């Protein structure tokens, strides 16, 4: 839905795909560096509920993670869906975080 979509003289699809791949690789590096900076810290997480097919793991989001766009926080520990918890970040991936529930959010 951009003005450029219907403009004449489009670049070839292979060029579009290559440009997108380059941008995504750069963004992945930026995101991973940012997420690594959170390892060892405690953050507030809204618990969404259990991960599908994984009854022992929970999924949640920080205030900076939008549904369907950003990554998630995969939690170990006890919490209920809809609850805000403090979680210690244990591991960082490019877009997701792994954390342990540290307690109820203040």
PDB file of N, CA and C in Angstrom:
ATOM      1  N   UNK A   1       0.810  -1.210   0.000  1.00  0.00           N
ATOM      2  CA  UNK A   1       0.000   0.000   0.000  1.00  0.00           C
ATOM      3  C   UNK A   1       0.851   1.270   0.000  1.00  0.00           C
ATOM      4  N   UNK A   2       1.993   1.218  -0.637  1.00  0.00           N
ATOM      5  CA  UNK A   2       2.816   2.424  -0.739  1.00  0.00           C
ATOM      6  C   UNK A   2       2.689   3.001  -2.135  1.00  0.00           C
ATOM      7  N   UNK A   3       3.018   4.267  -2.268  1.00  0.00           N
ATOM      8  CA  UNK A   3       2.957   4.922  -3.576  1.00  0.00           C
ATOM      9  C   UNK A   3       3.909   4.256  -4.565  1.00  0.00           C
ATOM     10  N   UNK A   4       5.032   3.774  -4.098  1.00  0.00           N
ATOM     11  CA  UNK A   4       6.031   3.167  -4.972  1.00  0.00           C
ATOM     12  C   UNK A   4       5.587   1.825  -5.542  1.00  0.00           C
ATOM     13  N   UNK A   5       4.611   1.191  -4.920  1.00  0.00           N
ATOM     14  CA  UNK A   5       4.191  -0.138  -5.361  1.00  0.00           C
ATOM     15  C   UNK A   5       3.737  -0.165  -6.819  1.00  0.00           C
ATOM     16  N   UNK A   6       3.015   0.834  -7.254  1.00  0.00           N
ATOM     17  CA  UNK A   6       2.469   0.881  -8.607  1.00  0.00           C
ATOM     18  C   UNK A   6       3.286   1.738  -9.574  1.00  0.00           C
ATOM     19  N   UNK A   7       4.430   2.209  -9.137  1.00  0.00           N
ATOM     20  CA  UNK A   7       5.233   3.063 -10.021  1.00  0.00           C
ATOM     21  C   UNK A   7       5.852   2.226 -11.142  1.00  0.00           C
ATOM     22  N   UNK A   8       6.072   2.856 -12.281  1.00  0.00           N
ATOM     23  CA  UNK A   8       6.723   2.130 -13.376  1.00  0.00           C
ATOM     24  C   UNK A   8       8.201   1.891 -13.095  1.00  0.00           C
ATOM     25  N   UNK A   9       8.818   1.056 -13.920  1.00  0.00           N
ATOM     26  CA  UNK A   9      10.259   0.770 -13.852  1.00  0.00           C
ATOM     27  C   UNK A   9      10.672   0.156 -12.514  1.00  0.00           C
ATOM     28  N   UNK A  10       9.912  -0.829 -12.059  1.00  0.00           N
ATOM     29  CA  UNK A  10      10.231  -1.535 -10.819  1.00  0.00           C
ATOM     30  C   UNK A  10      11.569  -2.286 -10.951  1.00  0.00           C
ATOM     31  N   UNK A  11      12.302  -2.384  -9.845  1.00  0.00           N
ATOM     32  CA  UNK A  11      13.525  -3.194  -9.868  1.00  0.00           C
ATOM     33  C   UNK A  11      13.113  -4.666  -9.905  1.00  0.00           C
ATOM     34  N   UNK A  12      13.969  -5.520 -10.434  1.00  0.00           N
ATOM     35  CA  UNK A  12      13.631  -6.944 -10.512  1.00  0.00           C
ATOM     36  C   UNK A  12      13.388  -7.555  -9.132  1.00  0.00           C
ATOM     37  N   UNK A  13      12.552  -8.591  -9.085  1.00  0.00           N
ATOM     38  CA  UNK A  13      12.228  -9.266  -7.824  1.00  0.00           C
ATOM     39  C   UNK A  13      13.482  -9.773  -7.123  1.00  0.00           C
ATOM     40  N   UNK A  14      14.445 -10.299  -7.867  1.00  0.00           N
ATOM     41  CA  UNK A  14      15.670 -10.818  -7.233  1.00  0.00           C
ATOM     42  C   UNK A  14      16.423  -9.701  -6.521  1.00  0.00           C
ATOM     43  N   UNK A  15      16.400  -8.490  -7.065  1.00  0.00           N
ATOM     44  CA  UNK A  15      17.049  -7.346  -6.421  1.00  0.00           C
ATOM     45  C   UNK A  15      16.274  -6.968  -5.155  1.00  0.00           C
ATOM     46  N   UNK A  16      14.962  -6.975  -5.241  1.00  0.00           N
ATOM     47  CA  UNK A  16      14.137  -6.681  -4.070  1.00  0.00           C
ATOM     48  C   UNK A  16      14.426  -7.681  -2.955  1.00  0.00           C
ATOM     49  N   UNK A  17      14.474  -8.975  -3.311  1.00  0.00           N
ATOM     50  CA  UNK A  17      14.731 -10.011  -2.298  1.00  0.00           C
ATOM     51  C   UNK A  17      16.121  -9.860  -1.686  1.00  0.00           C
ATOM     52  N   UNK A  18      17.107  -9.544  -2.512  1.00  0.00           N
ATOM     53  CA  UNK A  18      18.474  -9.365  -2.005  1.00  0.00           C
ATOM     54  C   UNK A  18      18.556  -8.170  -1.063  1.00  0.00           C
ATOM     55  N   UNK A  19      17.898  -7.080  -1.415  1.00  0.00           N
ATOM     56  CA  UNK A  19      17.898  -5.894  -0.548  1.00  0.00           C
ATOM     57  C   UNK A  19      17.219  -6.190   0.782  1.00  0.00           C
ATOM     58  N   UNK A  20      16.095  -6.893   0.711  1.00  0.00           N
ATOM     59  CA  UNK A  20      15.377  -7.249   1.940  1.00  0.00           C
ATOM     60  C   UNK A  20      16.242  -8.152   2.812  1.00  0.00           C
ATOM     61  N   UNK A  21      16.891  -9.141   2.211  1.00  0.00           N
ATOM     62  CA  UNK A  21      17.741 -10.059   2.976  1.00  0.00           C
ATOM     63  C   UNK A  21      18.885  -9.308   3.656  1.00  0.00           C
ATOM     64  N   UNK A  22      19.464  -8.366   2.955  1.00  0.00           N
ATOM     65  CA  UNK A  22      20.552  -7.575   3.537  1.00  0.00           C
ATOM     66  C   UNK A  22      20.060  -6.744   4.719  1.00  0.00           C
ATOM     67  N   UNK A  23      18.909  -6.113   4.555  1.00  0.00           N
ATOM     68  CA  UNK A  23      18.341  -5.321   5.650  1.00  0.00           C
ATOM     69  C   UNK A  23      17.989  -6.189   6.850  1.00  0.00           C
ATOM     70  N   UNK A  24      17.401  -7.351   6.587  1.00  0.00           N
ATOM     71  CA  UNK A  24      17.011  -8.235   7.687  1.00  0.00           C
ATOM     72  C   UNK A  24      18.233  -8.767   8.440  1.00  0.00           C
ATOM     73  N   UNK A  25      19.319  -9.066   7.728  1.00  0.00           N
ATOM     74  CA  UNK A  25      20.543  -9.533   8.386  1.00  0.00           C
ATOM     75  C   UNK A  25      21.112  -8.437   9.288  1.00  0.00           C
ATOM     76  N   UNK A  26      21.118  -7.215   8.793  1.00  0.00           N
ATOM     77  CA  UNK A  26      21.607  -6.092   9.598  1.00  0.00           C
ATOM     78  C   UNK A  26      20.730  -5.883  10.823  1.00  0.00           C
ATOM     79  N   UNK A  27      19.406  -5.936  10.631  1.00  0.00           N
ATOM     80  CA  UNK A  27      18.483  -5.749  11.753  1.00  0.00           C
ATOM     81  C   UNK A  27      18.647  -6.858  12.786  1.00  0.00           C
ATOM     82  N   UNK A  28      18.885  -8.079  12.335  1.00  0.00           N
ATOM     83  CA  UNK A  28      19.079  -9.201  13.255  1.00  0.00           C
ATOM     84  C   UNK A  28      20.297  -8.960  14.150  1.00  0.00           C
ATOM     85  N   UNK A  29      21.376  -8.459  13.566  1.00  0.00           N
ATOM     86  CA  UNK A  29      22.580  -8.153  14.351  1.00  0.00           C
ATOM     87  C   UNK A  29      22.304  -7.058  15.376  1.00  0.00           C
ATOM     88  N   UNK A  30      21.593  -6.023  14.966  1.00  0.00           N
ATOM     89  CA  UNK A  30      21.259  -4.917  15.869  1.00  0.00           C
ATOM     90  C   UNK A  30      20.388  -5.423  17.018  1.00  0.00           C
ATOM     91  N   UNK A  31      19.380  -6.209  16.689  1.00  0.00           N
ATOM     92  CA  UNK A  31      18.463  -6.729  17.693  1.00  0.00           C
ATOM     93  C   UNK A  31      19.178  -7.651  18.673  1.00  0.00           C
ATOM     94  N   UNK A  32      20.041  -8.526  18.167  1.00  0.00           N
ATOM     95  CA  UNK A  32      20.781  -9.438  19.043  1.00  0.00           C
ATOM     96  C   UNK A  32      21.674  -8.659  20.009  1.00  0.00           C
ATOM     97  N   UNK A  33      22.365  -7.650  19.515  1.00  0.00           N
ATOM     98  CA  UNK A  33      23.222  -6.836  20.395  1.00  0.00           C
ATOM     99  C   UNK A  33      22.393  -6.160  21.482  1.00  0.00           C
ATOM    100  N   UNK A  34      21.248  -5.638  21.097  1.00  0.00           N
ATOM    101  CA  UNK A  34      20.364  -4.983  22.072  1.00  0.00           C
ATOM    102  C   UNK A  34      19.860  -5.986  23.106  1.00  0.00           C
ATOM    103  N   UNK A  35      19.420  -7.149  22.636  1.00  0.00           N
ATOM    104  CA  UNK A  35      18.915  -8.170  23.552  1.00  0.00           C
ATOM    105  C   UNK A  35      20.004  -8.704  24.473  1.00  0.00           C
ATOM    106  N   UNK A  36      21.225  -8.849  23.971  1.00  0.00           N
ATOM    107  CA  UNK A  36      22.329  -9.314  24.827  1.00  0.00           C
ATOM    108  C   UNK A  36      22.582  -8.345  25.970  1.00  0.00           C
ATOM    109  N   UNK A  37      22.309  -7.070  25.746  1.00  0.00           N
ATOM    110  CA  UNK A  37      22.461  -6.074  26.799  1.00  0.00           C
ATOM    111  C   UNK A  37      21.478  -6.253  27.941  1.00  0.00           C
ATOM    112  N   UNK A  38      20.449  -7.054  27.724  1.00  0.00           N
ATOM    113  CA  UNK A  38      19.455  -7.306  28.767  1.00  0.00           C
ATOM    114  C   UNK A  38      19.775  -8.532  29.620  1.00  0.00           C
ATOM    115  N   UNK A  39      20.710  -9.369  29.183  1.00  0.00           N
ATOM    116  CA  UNK A  39      21.033 -10.592  29.919  1.00  0.00           C
ATOM    117  C   UNK A  39      21.521 -10.233  31.324  1.00  0.00           C
ATOM    118  N   UNK A  40      20.930 -10.897  32.312  1.00  0.00           N
ATOM    119  CA  UNK A  40      21.273 -10.647  33.707  1.00  0.00           C
ATOM    120  C   UNK A  40      20.398  -9.586  34.363  1.00  0.00           C
ATOM    121  N   UNK A  41      19.649  -8.854  33.596  1.00  0.00           N
ATOM    122  CA  UNK A  41      18.768  -7.812  34.142  1.00  0.00           C
ATOM    123  C   UNK A  41      17.380  -8.369  34.413  1.00  0.00           C
ATOM    124  N   UNK A  42      16.660  -7.666  35.261  1.00  0.00           N
ATOM    125  CA  UNK A  42      15.260  -7.996  35.502  1.00  0.00           C
ATOM    126  C   UNK A  42      14.393  -6.990  34.775  1.00  0.00           C
ATOM    127  N   UNK A  43      13.379  -7.518  34.098  1.00  0.00           N
ATOM    128  CA  UNK A  43      12.444  -6.673  33.353  1.00  0.00           C
ATOM    129  C   UNK A  43      11.022  -7.079  33.714  1.00  0.00           C
ATOM    130  N   UNK A  44      10.089  -6.168  33.504  1.00  0.00           N
ATOM    131  CA  UNK A  44       8.689  -6.475  33.728  1.00  0.00           C
ATOM    132  C   UNK A  44       8.129  -7.146  32.468  1.00  0.00           C
ATOM    133  N   UNK A  45       7.410  -8.245  32.673  1.00  0.00           N
ATOM    134  CA  UNK A  45       6.861  -9.021  31.568  1.00  0.00           C
ATOM    135  C   UNK A  45       5.379  -9.273  31.823  1.00  0.00           C
ATOM    136  N   UNK A  46       4.566  -9.075  30.796  1.00  0.00           N
ATOM    137  CA  UNK A  46       3.163  -9.460  30.852  1.00  0.00           C
ATOM    138  C   UNK A  46       3.080 -10.902  30.368  1.00  0.00           C
ATOM    139  N   UNK A  47       2.605 -11.798  31.214  1.00  0.00           N
ATOM    140  CA  UNK A  47       2.508 -13.216  30.866  1.00  0.00           C
ATOM    141  C   UNK A  47       1.277 -13.414  29.987  1.00  0.00           C
ATOM    142  N   UNK A  48       1.496 -14.023  28.827  1.00  0.00           N
ATOM    143  CA  UNK A  48       0.385 -14.306  27.911  1.00  0.00           C
ATOM    144  C   UNK A  48      -0.220 -15.670  28.169  1.00  0.00           C
ATOM    145  N   UNK A  49       0.585 -16.585  28.701  1.00  0.00           N
ATOM    146  CA  UNK A  49       0.093 -17.928  28.985  1.00  0.00           C
ATOM    147  C   UNK A  49       1.099 -18.973  28.561  1.00  0.00           C
ATOM    148  N   UNK A  50       0.706 -20.251  28.652  1.00  0.00           N
ATOM    149  CA  UNK A  50       1.636 -21.315  28.291  1.00  0.00           C
ATOM    150  C   UNK A  50       1.936 -21.315  26.790  1.00  0.00           C
ATOM    151  N   UNK A  51       3.141 -21.729  26.455  1.00  0.00           N
ATOM    152  CA  UNK A  51       3.498 -21.887  25.054  1.00  0.00           C
ATOM    153  C   UNK A  51       2.757 -23.094  24.503  1.00  0.00           C
ATOM    154  N   UNK A  52       2.271 -23.019  23.286  1.00  0.00           N
ATOM    155  CA  UNK A  52       1.569 -24.166  22.700  1.00  0.00           C
ATOM    156  C   UNK A  52       2.445 -25.424  22.718  1.00  0.00           C
ATOM    157  N   UNK A  53       1.891 -26.486  23.267  1.00  0.00           N
ATOM    158  CA  UNK A  53       2.612 -27.749  23.315  1.00  0.00           C
ATOM    159  C   UNK A  53       3.701 -27.842  24.358  1.00  0.00           C
ATOM    160  N   UNK A  54       3.880 -26.802  25.168  1.00  0.00           N
ATOM    161  CA  UNK A  54       4.943 -26.790  26.190  1.00  0.00           C
ATOM    162  C   UNK A  54       4.330 -26.342  27.511  1.00  0.00           C
ATOM    163  N   UNK A  55       3.820 -27.264  28.270  1.00  0.00           N
ATOM    164  CA  UNK A  55       3.113 -26.910  29.498  1.00  0.00           C
ATOM    165  C   UNK A  55       4.025 -26.334  30.574  1.00  0.00           C
ATOM    166  N   UNK A  56       5.340 -26.535  30.444  1.00  0.00           N
ATOM    167  CA  UNK A  56       6.253 -26.044  31.479  1.00  0.00           C
ATOM    168  C   UNK A  56       6.866 -24.688  31.128  1.00  0.00           C
ATOM    169  N   UNK A  57       6.590 -24.160  29.968  1.00  0.00           N
ATOM    170  CA  UNK A  57       7.139 -22.867  29.558  1.00  0.00           C
ATOM    171  C   UNK A  57       5.993 -21.899  29.309  1.00  0.00           C
ATOM    172  N   UNK A  58       6.239 -20.642  29.637  1.00  0.00           N
ATOM    173  CA  UNK A  58       5.262 -19.579  29.430  1.00  0.00           C
ATOM    174  C   UNK A  58       5.783 -18.617  28.379  1.00  0.00           C
ATOM    175  N   UNK A  59       4.872 -17.897  27.771  1.00  0.00           N
ATOM    176  CA  UNK A  59       5.243 -16.855  26.823  1.00  0.00           C
ATOM    177  C   UNK A  59       4.738 -15.533  27.372  1.00  0.00           C
ATOM    178  N   UNK A  60       5.543 -14.502  27.198  1.00  0.00           N
ATOM    179  CA  UNK A  60       5.143 -13.172  27.619  1.00  0.00           C
ATOM    180  C   UNK A  60       5.797 -12.118  26.759  1.00  0.00           C
ATOM    181  N   UNK A  61       5.567 -10.864  27.123  1.00  0.00           N
ATOM    182  CA  UNK A  61       6.122  -9.740  26.372  1.00  0.00           C
ATOM    183  C   UNK A  61       6.506  -8.611  27.322  1.00  0.00           C
ATOM    184  N   UNK A  62       7.569  -7.923  26.963  1.00  0.00           N
ATOM    185  CA  UNK A  62       7.932  -6.707  27.681  1.00  0.00           C
ATOM    186  C   UNK A  62       7.112  -5.565  27.089  1.00  0.00           C
ATOM    187  N   UNK A  63       7.216  -4.401  27.686  1.00  0.00           N
ATOM    188  CA  UNK A  63       6.486  -3.230  27.178  1.00  0.00           C
ATOM    189  C   UNK A  63       6.935  -2.858  25.765  1.00  0.00           C
ATOM    190  N   UNK A  64       8.142  -3.254  25.376  1.00  0.00           N
ATOM    191  CA  UNK A  64       8.672  -2.912  24.061  1.00  0.00           C
ATOM    192  C   UNK A  64       8.418  -3.946  22.984  1.00  0.00           C
ATOM    193  N   UNK A  65       7.676  -4.993  23.292  1.00  0.00           N
ATOM    194  CA  UNK A  65       7.420  -6.055  22.316  1.00  0.00           C
ATOM    195  C   UNK A  65       5.943  -6.075  21.925  1.00  0.00           C
ATOM    196  N   UNK A  66       5.677  -5.778  20.672  1.00  0.00           N
ATOM    197  CA  UNK A  66       4.304  -5.764  20.176  1.00  0.00           C
ATOM    198  C   UNK A  66       3.922  -7.138  19.630  1.00  0.00           C
ATOM    199  N   UNK A  67       2.693  -7.588  19.898  1.00  0.00           N
ATOM    200  CA  UNK A  67       2.244  -8.870  19.346  1.00  0.00           C
ATOM    201  C   UNK A  67       2.304  -8.887  17.820  1.00  0.00           C
ATOM    202  N   UNK A  68       2.633 -10.029  17.264  1.00  0.00           N
ATOM    203  CA  UNK A  68       2.673 -10.283  15.823  1.00  0.00           C
ATOM    204  C   UNK A  68       3.753  -9.511  15.080  1.00  0.00           C
ATOM    205  N   UNK A  69       4.517  -8.682  15.781  1.00  0.00           N
ATOM    206  CA  UNK A  69       5.570  -7.908  15.130  1.00  0.00           C
ATOM    207  C   UNK A  69       6.924  -8.224  15.754  1.00  0.00           C
ATOM    208  N   UNK A  70       6.978  -8.170  17.071  1.00  0.00           N
ATOM    209  CA  UNK A  70       8.234  -8.350  17.783  1.00  0.00           C
ATOM    210  C   UNK A  70       8.341  -9.752  18.364  1.00  0.00           C
ATOM    211  N   UNK A  71       9.482 -10.025  18.959  1.00  0.00           N
ATOM    212  CA  UNK A  71       9.709 -11.309  19.598  1.00  0.00           C
ATOM    213  C   UNK A  71       8.938 -11.448  20.893  1.00  0.00           C
ATOM    214  N   UNK A  72       9.257 -12.505  21.605  1.00  0.00           N
ATOM    215  CA  UNK A  72       8.591 -12.824  22.869  1.00  0.00           C
ATOM    216  C   UNK A  72       9.619 -13.076  23.949  1.00  0.00           C
ATOM    217  N   UNK A  73       9.126 -13.181  25.173  1.00  0.00           N
ATOM    218  CA  UNK A  73       9.942 -13.628  26.299  1.00  0.00           C
ATOM    219  C   UNK A  73       9.418 -15.009  26.669  1.00  0.00           C
ATOM    220  N   UNK A  74      10.298 -16.016  26.617  1.00  0.00           N
ATOM    221  CA  UNK A  74       9.930 -17.376  26.993  1.00  0.00           C
ATOM    222  C   UNK A  74      10.349 -17.568  28.442  1.00  0.00           C
ATOM    223  N   UNK A  75       9.376 -17.855  29.282  1.00  0.00           N
ATOM    224  CA  UNK A  75       9.573 -17.860  30.730  1.00  0.00           C
ATOM    225  C   UNK A  75       9.592 -19.263  31.324  1.00  0.00           C
ATOM    226  N   UNK A  76      10.454 -19.430  32.311  1.00  0.00           N
ATOM    227  CA  UNK A  76      10.446 -20.598  33.172  1.00  0.00           C
ATOM    228  C   UNK A  76      10.021 -20.105  34.544  1.00  0.00           C
ATOM    229  N   UNK A  77       9.112 -20.824  35.179  1.00  0.00           N
ATOM    230  CA  UNK A  77       8.636 -20.432  36.498  1.00  0.00           C
ATOM    231  C   UNK A  77       7.127 -20.410  36.540  1.00  0.00           C
ATOM    232  N   UNK A  78       6.622 -19.987  37.674  1.00  0.00           N
ATOM    233  CA  UNK A  78       5.176 -19.978  37.890  1.00  0.00           C
ATOM    234  C   UNK A  78       4.607 -18.577  37.723  1.00  0.00           C
ATOM    235  N   UNK A  79       3.566 -18.492  36.899  1.00  0.00           N
ATOM    236  CA  UNK A  79       2.842 -17.235  36.712  1.00  0.00           C
ATOM    237  C   UNK A  79       1.551 -17.570  35.980  1.00  0.00           C
ATOM    238  N   UNK A  80       0.613 -16.660  36.059  1.00  0.00           N
ATOM    239  CA  UNK A  80      -0.680 -16.836  35.415  1.00  0.00           C
ATOM    240  C   UNK A  80      -0.813 -15.889  34.226  1.00  0.00           C
ATOM    241  N   UNK A  81      -1.554 -16.304  33.219  1.00  0.00           N
ATOM    242  CA  UNK A  81      -1.824 -15.444  32.077  1.00  0.00           C
ATOM    243  C   UNK A  81      -2.474 -14.152  32.556  1.00  0.00           C
ATOM    244  N   UNK A  82      -2.017 -13.037  32.031  1.00  0.00           N
ATOM    245  CA  UNK A  82      -2.540 -11.734  32.419  1.00  0.00           C
ATOM    246  C   UNK A  82      -1.793 -11.083  33.565  1.00  0.00           C
ATOM    247  N   UNK A  83      -0.886 -11.809  34.185  1.00  0.00           N
ATOM    248  CA  UNK A  83      -0.122 -11.313  35.334  1.00  0.00           C
ATOM    249  C   UNK A  83       1.148 -10.604  34.853  1.00  0.00           C
ATOM    250  N   UNK A  84       1.511  -9.525  35.534  1.00  0.00           N
ATOM    251  CA  UNK A  84       2.791  -8.871  35.307  1.00  0.00           C
ATOM    252  C   UNK A  84       3.784  -9.453  36.301  1.00  0.00           C
ATOM    253  N   UNK A  85       4.957  -9.860  35.798  1.00  0.00           N
ATOM    254  CA  UNK A  85       5.988 -10.428  36.657  1.00  0.00           C
ATOM    255  C   UNK A  85       7.324  -9.742  36.382  1.00  0.00           C
ATOM    256  N   UNK A  86       8.207  -9.839  37.366  1.00  0.00           N
ATOM    257  CA  UNK A  86       9.603  -9.482  37.154  1.00  0.00           C
ATOM    258  C   UNK A  86      10.270 -10.747  36.645  1.00  0.00           C
ATOM    259  N   UNK A  87      11.069 -10.620  35.597  1.00  0.00           N
ATOM    260  CA  UNK A  87      11.741 -11.781  35.034  1.00  0.00           C
ATOM    261  C   UNK A  87      13.204 -11.448  34.795  1.00  0.00           C
ATOM    262  N   UNK A  88      14.079 -12.388  35.172  1.00  0.00           N
ATOM    263  CA  UNK A  88      15.525 -12.223  34.947  1.00  0.00           C
ATOM    264  C   UNK A  88      15.864 -12.806  33.578  1.00  0.00           C
ATOM    265  N   UNK A  89      16.452 -12.003  32.725  1.00  0.00           N
ATOM    266  CA  UNK A  89      16.805 -12.452  31.383  1.00  0.00           C
ATOM    267  C   UNK A  89      18.037 -13.346  31.465  1.00  0.00           C
ATOM    268  N   UNK A  90      17.880 -14.574  30.996  1.00  0.00           N
ATOM    269  CA  UNK A  90      18.950 -15.572  31.057  1.00  0.00           C
ATOM    270  C   UNK A  90      19.668 -15.758  29.727  1.00  0.00           C
ATOM    271  N   UNK A  91      18.950 -15.550  28.637  1.00  0.00           N
ATOM    272  CA  UNK A  91      19.509 -15.820  27.311  1.00  0.00           C
ATOM    273  C   UNK A  91      18.862 -14.883  26.300  1.00  0.00           C
ATOM    274  N   UNK A  92      19.673 -14.439  25.342  1.00  0.00           N
ATOM    275  CA  UNK A  92      19.179 -13.550  24.294  1.00  0.00           C
ATOM    276  C   UNK A  92      19.349 -14.198  22.931  1.00  0.00           C
ATOM    277  N   UNK A  93      18.314 -14.119  22.135  1.00  0.00           N
ATOM    278  CA  UNK A  93      18.359 -14.508  20.732  1.00  0.00           C
ATOM    279  C   UNK A  93      18.129 -13.248  19.908  1.00  0.00           C
ATOM    280  N   UNK A  94      18.164 -13.353  18.622  1.00  0.00           N
ATOM    281  CA  UNK A  94      17.989 -12.153  17.794  1.00  0.00           C
ATOM    282  C   UNK A  94      16.706 -11.402  18.111  1.00  0.00           C
ATOM    283  N   UNK A  95      15.604 -12.141  18.258  1.00  0.00           N
ATOM    284  CA  UNK A  95      14.332 -11.458  18.468  1.00  0.00           C
ATOM    285  C   UNK A  95      13.624 -11.873  19.746  1.00  0.00           C
ATOM    286  N   UNK A  96      14.034 -12.965  20.356  1.00  0.00           N
ATOM    287  CA  UNK A  96      13.373 -13.477  21.550  1.00  0.00           C
ATOM    288  C   UNK A  96      14.328 -13.476  22.741  1.00  0.00           C
ATOM    289  N   UNK A  97      13.718 -13.539  23.918  1.00  0.00           N
ATOM    290  CA  UNK A  97      14.467 -13.612  25.169  1.00  0.00           C
ATOM    291  C   UNK A  97      14.003 -14.831  25.952  1.00  0.00           C
ATOM    292  N   UNK A  98      14.921 -15.442  26.701  1.00  0.00           N
ATOM    293  CA  UNK A  98      14.576 -16.512  27.638  1.00  0.00           C
ATOM    294  C   UNK A  98      14.814 -15.955  29.033  1.00  0.00           C
ATOM    295  N   UNK A  99      13.859 -16.207  29.927  1.00  0.00           N
ATOM    296  CA  UNK A  99      13.944 -15.610  31.259  1.00  0.00           C
ATOM    297  C   UNK A  99      13.351 -16.529  32.308  1.00  0.00           C
ATOM    298  N   UNK A 100      13.661 -16.212  33.553  1.00  0.00           N
ATOM    299  CA  UNK A 100      13.126 -16.920  34.704  1.00  0.00           C
ATOM    300  C   UNK A 100      12.300 -15.944  35.535  1.00  0.00           C
ATOM    301  N   UNK A 101      11.107 -16.379  35.908  1.00  0.00           N
ATOM    302  CA  UNK A 101      10.253 -15.536  36.742  1.00  0.00           C
ATOM    303  C   UNK A 101      10.962 -15.293  38.071  1.00  0.00           C
ATOM    304  N   UNK A 102      11.120 -14.009  38.418  1.00  0.00           N
ATOM    305  CA  UNK A 102      11.808 -13.634  39.649  1.00  0.00           C
ATOM    306  C   UNK A 102      10.833 -13.196  40.739  1.00  0.00           C
ATOM    307  N   UNK A 103       9.605 -12.930  40.373  1.00  0.00           N
ATOM    308  CA  UNK A 103       8.610 -12.510  41.359  1.00  0.00           C
ATOM    309  C   UNK A 103       7.543 -11.647  40.721  1.00  0.00           C
ATOM    310  N   UNK A 104       6.626 -11.216  41.555  1.00  0.00           N
ATOM    311  CA  UNK A 104       5.551 -10.350  41.079  1.00  0.00           C
ATOM    312  C   UNK A 104       6.104  -8.972  40.758  1.00  0.00           C
ATOM    313  N   UNK A 105       5.552  -8.351  39.755  1.00  0.00           N
ATOM    314  CA  UNK A 105       5.991  -7.002  39.393  1.00  0.00           C
ATOM    315  C   UNK A 105       5.551  -6.012  40.458  1.00  0.00           C
ATOM    316  N   UNK A 106       6.354  -4.992  40.648  1.00  0.00           N
ATOM    317  CA  UNK A 106       6.048  -3.973  41.665  1.00  0.00           C
ATOM    318  C   UNK A 106       4.953  -3.059  41.208  1.00  0.00           C
TER     319      UNK A 106
END
